Amino acid sequence: MRPAHAAAAAAILVAMSAAILAGGHRLAVPADEIVIAPEDIPDLSETGPETGPETGMDEGQAGEDTSTEAIEPQQMAGPSAGSRAIDPEIVAPPSTGEAPLERAEPRPPLSNLSLALPPKPKMPDEWKGKPLFQPLATAAGVFQAMGYTVAISGVDAVMPDESCTDAAGKEWNCGMRARSAFRAFLRGRAPICTVPPEGGRDTISAACRIGKQDLGAWLVANGWARAAKGGPYAEAEEVARKERMGIFGAAPDLSNLPPEPPPVEAPVEPSPSILDLSGEPPPPSTPSPATPDFPPAPAQ
């Protein structure tokens, strides 16, 4: 590098350092202490508008006054029609005075529908009774469970040994069929019956149900029992007789069933008496066959 170039570079570095220090000194001065001399403000009115590609202004814009005097701050003449006040003039409702408040009468209803009472809530179906678990039907209308023997009230039970005759004159064992149908309906479920707290040996007549199904109504409506005189199931029995349901219907068709196999009798051998008073010696017993003797295995 030539000496002249080195001296110029050193001068530039010194000038840049001085400018940086001067700028830092100015920033450290508070804003209210900064004083600008009038001669430091350039007079833009003396310089005419420039035109050309650098200013981005055409000839029509060049004639306009671009001096600082033409730029005036916009004065706020008040809120416009489309604006609203940020702080309302009234921040609290007007006082009502010292007069006490009066309760006004409610207005009349618009229609009579508002005067109707709300519908009553549906109460759960209350059934006072005791659940009887693991019932066993002994007849169509009678069952045993938990020490109770319950006969369904309002029903004349059909006993297992009862026989019925259909319209064709055929006799069949309707009692056994009715008891089987009642057992299939119970199928281990617990009926709820109005029985006393403690059971007994005597048969108790009680109303029973399973869920919402009345057992007496089910027996009579399906023809597996007769309605008691003066009971609530007389009409159900008339319908069952008319429709020939249950014991009022025809005998079941058993022709498709396989024939019943004959009973198998096992031969019975007379057992010898312990006390033999004849004095004769007992017959010799047949000796059991002796186990054959196998030769010993060869030594290894």
Protein backbone atom coordinates (compact mmCIF):
# COMPACT_ATOMS: atom_id res chain seq x y z
CA MET A 1 0.00 0.00 0.00
CA ARG A 2 1.31 3.42 -0.85
CA PRO A 3 1.93 5.92 1.95
CA ALA A 4 -0.69 8.28 0.54
CA HIS A 5 -3.35 5.60 0.60
CA ALA A 6 -2.45 4.59 4.16
CA ALA A 7 -2.69 8.20 5.33
CA ALA A 8 -6.10 8.57 3.70
CA ALA A 9 -7.41 5.37 5.34
CA ALA A 10 -6.17 6.56 8.76
CA ALA A 11 -7.89 9.92 8.29
CA ILE A 12 -11.16 8.19 7.36
CA LEU A 13 -11.02 6.00 10.48
CA VAL A 14 -10.39 9.04 12.69
CA ALA A 15 -13.33 10.88 11.10
CA MET A 16 -15.68 7.90 11.57
CA SER A 17 -14.66 7.53 15.22
CA ALA A 18 -15.32 11.22 15.84
CA ALA A 19 -18.75 10.95 14.18
CA ILE A 20 -19.69 7.92 16.30
CA LEU A 21 -18.65 9.68 19.51
CA ALA A 22 -20.56 12.79 18.53
CA GLY A 23 -23.70 10.78 17.79
CA GLY A 24 -23.50 8.98 21.12
CA HIS A 25 -23.09 12.30 22.91
CA ARG A 26 -26.21 13.68 21.21
CA LEU A 27 -28.29 10.62 22.15
CA ALA A 28 -27.23 10.96 25.76
CA VAL A 29 -28.61 14.55 25.89
CA PRO A 30 -32.30 14.71 27.01
CA ALA A 31 -34.83 15.70 24.40
CA ASP A 32 -35.88 18.88 26.22
CA GLU A 33 -32.28 20.16 26.24
CA ILE A 34 -31.72 19.77 22.50
CA VAL A 35 -31.47 23.22 20.87
CA ILE A 36 -31.73 23.59 17.10
CA ALA A 37 -30.36 26.78 15.65
CA PRO A 38 -32.39 28.50 12.88
CA GLU A 39 -29.46 28.41 10.53
CA ASP A 40 -29.43 24.57 10.83
CA ILE A 41 -32.89 24.32 9.22
CA PRO A 42 -32.60 24.25 5.43
CA ASP A 43 -34.83 26.62 3.48
CA LEU A 44 -36.79 24.43 1.09
CA SER A 45 -38.60 27.33 -0.47
CA GLU A 46 -35.47 28.48 -2.26
CA THR A 47 -34.95 25.13 -3.88
CA GLY A 48 -37.37 24.41 -6.62
CA PRO A 49 -39.02 21.09 -7.10
CA GLU A 50 -37.00 18.50 -8.75
CA THR A 51 -38.27 16.36 -11.49
CA GLY A 52 -36.95 13.23 -12.98
CA PRO A 53 -36.79 9.59 -12.32
CA GLU A 54 -35.14 10.10 -8.92
CA THR A 55 -38.00 12.10 -7.36
CA GLY A 56 -40.78 10.07 -8.97
CA MET A 57 -42.80 13.23 -9.83
CA ASP A 58 -44.08 14.16 -13.26
CA GLU A 59 -44.46 17.65 -14.73
CA GLY A 60 -48.04 18.04 -13.44
CA GLN A 61 -46.95 17.39 -9.86
CA ALA A 62 -43.95 19.65 -10.18
CA GLY A 63 -46.14 22.78 -10.16
CA GLU A 64 -47.67 21.92 -6.82
CA ASP A 65 -46.34 23.54 -3.65
CA THR A 66 -44.35 20.96 -1.73
CA SER A 67 -42.99 23.27 0.92
CA THR A 68 -43.51 22.69 4.59
CA GLU A 69 -45.76 25.74 4.80
CA ALA A 70 -48.37 24.06 2.63
CA ILE A 71 -48.55 21.05 4.99
CA GLU A 72 -50.79 22.04 7.86
CA PRO A 73 -51.98 19.72 10.61
CA GLN A 74 -55.61 18.66 10.36
CA GLN A 75 -57.65 20.33 13.00
CA MET A 76 -60.20 18.20 14.91
CA ALA A 77 -63.51 19.91 14.43
CA GLY A 78 -65.34 17.44 16.69
CA PRO A 79 -66.72 13.91 16.34
CA SER A 80 -68.22 13.03 13.02
CA ALA A 81 -71.62 11.53 12.48
CA GLY A 82 -70.27 7.99 12.25
CA SER A 83 -68.18 8.14 15.42
CA ARG A 84 -69.21 7.84 19.04
CA ALA A 85 -67.91 9.37 22.22
CA ILE A 86 -65.53 7.21 24.19
CA ASP A 87 -66.59 8.67 27.53
CA PRO A 88 -70.35 9.16 27.71
CA GLU A 89 -71.59 12.40 29.16
CA ILE A 90 -73.89 10.59 31.60
CA VAL A 91 -72.19 7.77 33.49
CA ALA A 92 -75.07 7.05 35.89
CA PRO A 93 -78.84 6.93 35.46
CA PRO A 94 -80.73 9.96 36.59
CA SER A 95 -81.80 9.96 40.20
CA THR A 96 -85.41 9.04 40.92
CA GLY A 97 -85.66 11.33 43.83
CA GLU A 98 -86.47 10.41 47.38
CA ALA A 99 -89.84 8.81 46.56
CA PRO A 100 -90.01 5.09 47.51
CA LEU A 101 -90.27 2.47 44.81
CA GLU A 102 -93.69 1.00 44.10
CA ARG A 103 -94.36 -2.57 42.99
CA ALA A 104 -96.37 -2.64 39.78
CA GLU A 105 -98.98 -5.25 38.99
CA PRO A 106 -97.89 -7.92 36.46
CA ARG A 107 -99.37 -7.65 33.02
CA PRO A 108 -102.15 -10.07 32.09
CA PRO A 109 -101.13 -13.24 30.20
CA LEU A 110 -101.18 -13.17 26.43
CA SER A 111 -103.27 -16.35 26.21
CA ASN A 112 -104.90 -18.97 28.41
CA LEU A 113 -102.11 -21.45 27.69
CA SER A 114 -99.92 -19.79 30.29
CA LEU A 115 -102.60 -20.40 32.93
CA ALA A 116 -102.50 -24.19 32.43
CA LEU A 117 -100.84 -26.16 35.18
CA PRO A 118 -97.67 -28.09 34.33
CA PRO A 119 -98.19 -31.82 33.79
CA LYS A 120 -97.81 -33.94 36.84
CA PRO A 121 -94.63 -35.98 36.91
CA LYS A 122 -95.11 -39.67 36.34
CA MET A 123 -94.68 -41.39 39.65
CA PRO A 124 -93.00 -44.81 39.68
CA ASP A 125 -95.30 -47.77 39.72
CA GLU A 126 -95.66 -48.57 43.38
CA TRP A 127 -96.28 -52.23 44.14
CA LYS A 128 -96.33 -53.28 47.72
CA GLY A 129 -95.06 -56.83 47.83
CA LYS A 130 -92.21 -59.17 48.56
CA PRO A 131 -90.01 -60.81 45.93
CA LEU A 132 -90.04 -64.60 46.09
CA PHE A 133 -86.92 -66.10 44.58
CA GLN A 134 -86.56 -69.47 42.82
CA PRO A 135 -90.28 -70.26 42.45
CA LEU A 136 -91.39 -73.80 41.60
CA ALA A 137 -94.82 -74.18 40.02
CA THR A 138 -96.75 -77.13 41.45
CA ALA A 139 -99.86 -76.36 39.39
CA ALA A 140 -101.05 -73.77 36.89
CA GLY A 141 -101.69 -70.98 39.40
CA VAL A 142 -99.83 -72.35 42.46
CA PHE A 143 -96.10 -72.17 43.22
CA GLN A 144 -93.73 -72.58 46.14
CA ALA A 145 -90.84 -70.26 47.02
CA MET A 146 -88.91 -69.29 50.18
CA GLY A 147 -91.21 -71.27 52.48
CA TYR A 148 -94.42 -69.88 50.94
CA THR A 149 -97.10 -71.77 49.04
CA VAL A 150 -98.84 -69.11 47.00
CA ALA A 151 -102.08 -69.49 45.08
CA ILE A 152 -102.69 -66.68 42.60
CA SER A 153 -105.74 -64.71 43.74
CA GLY A 154 -108.69 -64.41 41.33
CA VAL A 155 -107.74 -67.69 39.61
CA ASP A 156 -108.98 -71.27 39.85
CA ALA A 157 -105.80 -73.28 39.49
CA VAL A 158 -105.63 -76.26 37.13
CA MET A 159 -104.18 -79.27 38.92
CA PRO A 160 -101.66 -81.55 37.18
CA ASP A 161 -103.98 -84.60 37.27
CA GLU A 162 -106.85 -82.79 35.55
CA SER A 163 -107.99 -83.99 32.12
CA CYS A 164 -109.79 -81.99 29.44
CA THR A 165 -111.91 -82.96 26.44
CA ASP A 166 -111.63 -80.93 23.26
CA ALA A 167 -114.34 -80.19 20.68
CA ALA A 168 -113.53 -83.41 18.78
CA GLY A 169 -114.18 -85.47 21.91
CA LYS A 170 -110.51 -86.32 22.49
CA GLU A 171 -109.40 -86.44 26.09
CA TRP A 172 -105.95 -85.18 27.01
CA ASN A 173 -103.96 -84.31 30.12
CA CYS A 174 -104.43 -80.54 30.17
CA GLY A 175 -103.28 -80.17 33.81
CA MET A 176 -99.71 -81.28 33.07
CA ARG A 177 -99.60 -79.09 29.97
CA ALA A 178 -100.83 -76.04 31.92
CA ARG A 179 -98.27 -76.57 34.69
CA SER A 180 -95.46 -76.86 32.10
CA ALA A 181 -96.57 -73.60 30.49
CA PHE A 182 -96.63 -71.84 33.89
CA ARG A 183 -93.14 -73.13 34.71
CA ALA A 184 -91.84 -71.93 31.36
CA PHE A 185 -93.28 -68.48 32.04
CA LEU A 186 -91.69 -68.24 35.48
CA ARG A 187 -88.34 -69.76 34.33
CA GLY A 188 -86.61 -68.94 37.60
CA ARG A 189 -87.71 -65.29 37.81
CA ALA A 190 -88.78 -63.83 41.17
CA PRO A 191 -92.47 -62.82 41.31
CA ILE A 192 -93.47 -60.06 43.71
CA CYS A 193 -96.46 -61.05 45.81
CA THR A 194 -98.52 -59.46 48.59
CA VAL A 195 -97.69 -62.05 51.23
CA PRO A 196 -97.24 -61.65 54.99
CA PRO A 197 -93.70 -61.19 56.31
CA GLU A 198 -93.45 -64.79 57.50
CA GLY A 199 -94.40 -67.84 55.52
CA GLY A 200 -96.21 -70.91 56.73
CA ARG A 201 -97.42 -74.32 55.74
CA ASP A 202 -100.85 -73.09 54.69
CA THR A 203 -101.47 -71.94 51.13
CA ILE A 204 -101.66 -68.15 50.86
CA SER A 205 -103.86 -66.47 48.27
CA ALA A 206 -102.03 -63.40 46.99
CA ALA A 207 -101.75 -61.17 43.96
CA CYS A 208 -98.44 -61.58 42.16
CA ARG A 209 -96.68 -60.08 39.21
CA ILE A 210 -93.38 -60.23 37.34
CA GLY A 211 -92.31 -56.82 36.18
CA LYS A 212 -95.55 -55.21 34.98
CA GLN A 213 -97.26 -58.51 34.10
CA ASP A 214 -99.99 -59.73 36.42
CA LEU A 215 -99.65 -63.50 36.82
CA GLY A 216 -103.38 -64.06 37.22
CA ALA A 217 -104.20 -62.07 34.08
CA TRP A 218 -101.54 -63.97 32.13
CA LEU A 219 -102.81 -67.40 33.20
CA VAL A 220 -106.46 -66.68 32.38
CA ALA A 221 -105.78 -64.77 29.14
CA ASN A 222 -103.69 -67.66 27.76
CA GLY A 223 -106.21 -70.29 28.86
CA TRP A 224 -104.03 -72.04 31.44
CA ALA A 225 -106.38 -71.30 34.35
CA ARG A 226 -110.02 -70.41 34.95
CA ALA A 227 -111.20 -67.14 36.40
CA ALA A 228 -112.63 -67.28 39.92
CA LYS A 229 -116.25 -66.31 40.34
CA GLY A 230 -116.58 -62.62 41.05
CA GLY A 231 -112.91 -62.06 40.17
CA PRO A 232 -111.41 -59.47 37.83
CA TYR A 233 -110.53 -61.96 35.05
CA ALA A 234 -114.00 -63.03 33.87
CA GLU A 235 -113.76 -61.20 30.55
CA ALA A 236 -110.29 -62.61 29.91
CA GLU A 237 -111.68 -66.15 30.33
CA GLU A 238 -114.46 -65.47 27.84
CA VAL A 239 -111.92 -64.36 25.26
CA ALA A 240 -109.75 -67.44 25.92
CA ARG A 241 -112.75 -69.75 25.51
CA LYS A 242 -113.75 -68.04 22.30
CA GLU A 243 -110.25 -68.26 20.88
CA ARG A 244 -109.84 -71.87 22.17
CA MET A 245 -106.60 -71.15 23.95
CA GLY A 246 -104.85 -73.33 26.51
CA ILE A 247 -107.07 -75.88 28.21
CA PHE A 248 -110.06 -74.75 26.12
CA GLY A 249 -108.33 -75.70 22.87
CA ALA A 250 -107.67 -78.93 21.04
CA ALA A 251 -105.47 -81.70 22.31
CA PRO A 252 -101.84 -81.37 21.28
CA ASP A 253 -100.76 -83.38 18.24
CA LEU A 254 -98.24 -86.01 19.38
CA SER A 255 -98.04 -87.94 16.12
CA ASN A 256 -94.65 -86.48 15.21
CA LEU A 257 -93.04 -87.63 18.43
CA PRO A 258 -90.97 -90.82 18.36
CA PRO A 259 -92.47 -93.84 20.11
CA GLU A 260 -91.59 -94.25 23.73
CA PRO A 261 -88.93 -96.92 24.21
CA PRO A 262 -89.88 -99.88 26.41
CA PRO A 263 -88.42 -99.87 29.89
CA VAL A 264 -85.18 -101.77 30.25
CA GLU A 265 -85.13 -104.17 33.20
CA ALA A 266 -81.71 -105.07 34.57
CA PRO A 267 -81.25 -108.73 35.59
CA VAL A 268 -81.42 -109.11 39.33
CA GLU A 269 -79.19 -111.81 40.85
CA PRO A 270 -80.33 -113.31 44.11
CA SER A 271 -78.07 -112.22 46.90
CA PRO A 272 -76.93 -114.98 49.30
CA SER A 273 -78.61 -114.87 52.66
CA ILE A 274 -76.44 -114.09 55.60
CA LEU A 275 -78.42 -116.42 57.87
CA ASP A 276 -78.60 -119.82 56.16
CA LEU A 277 -80.65 -122.19 58.35
CA SER A 278 -80.65 -125.15 55.94
CA GLY A 279 -77.38 -126.53 57.26
CA GLU A 280 -76.06 -127.20 53.81
CA PRO A 281 -72.61 -125.91 52.99
CA PRO A 282 -72.55 -123.04 50.54
CA PRO A 283 -71.66 -123.87 46.98
CA PRO A 284 -67.97 -123.58 46.24
CA SER A 285 -67.04 -120.29 44.72
CA THR A 286 -65.48 -120.30 41.33
CA PRO A 287 -61.81 -119.51 41.70
CA SER A 288 -60.62 -116.55 39.73
CA PRO A 289 -58.10 -117.36 37.00
CA ALA A 290 -54.57 -117.24 38.28
CA THR A 291 -52.26 -114.59 36.97
CA PRO A 292 -49.74 -116.25 34.63
CA ASP A 293 -46.15 -116.20 35.79
CA PHE A 294 -43.91 -114.47 33.32
CA PRO A 295 -40.19 -115.36 33.21
CA PRO A 296 -37.95 -112.76 34.76
CA ALA A 297 -36.44 -110.22 32.51
CA PRO A 298 -32.84 -110.93 31.49
CA ALA A 299 -30.23 -109.05 33.43
CA GLN A 300 -28.64 -106.21 31.58
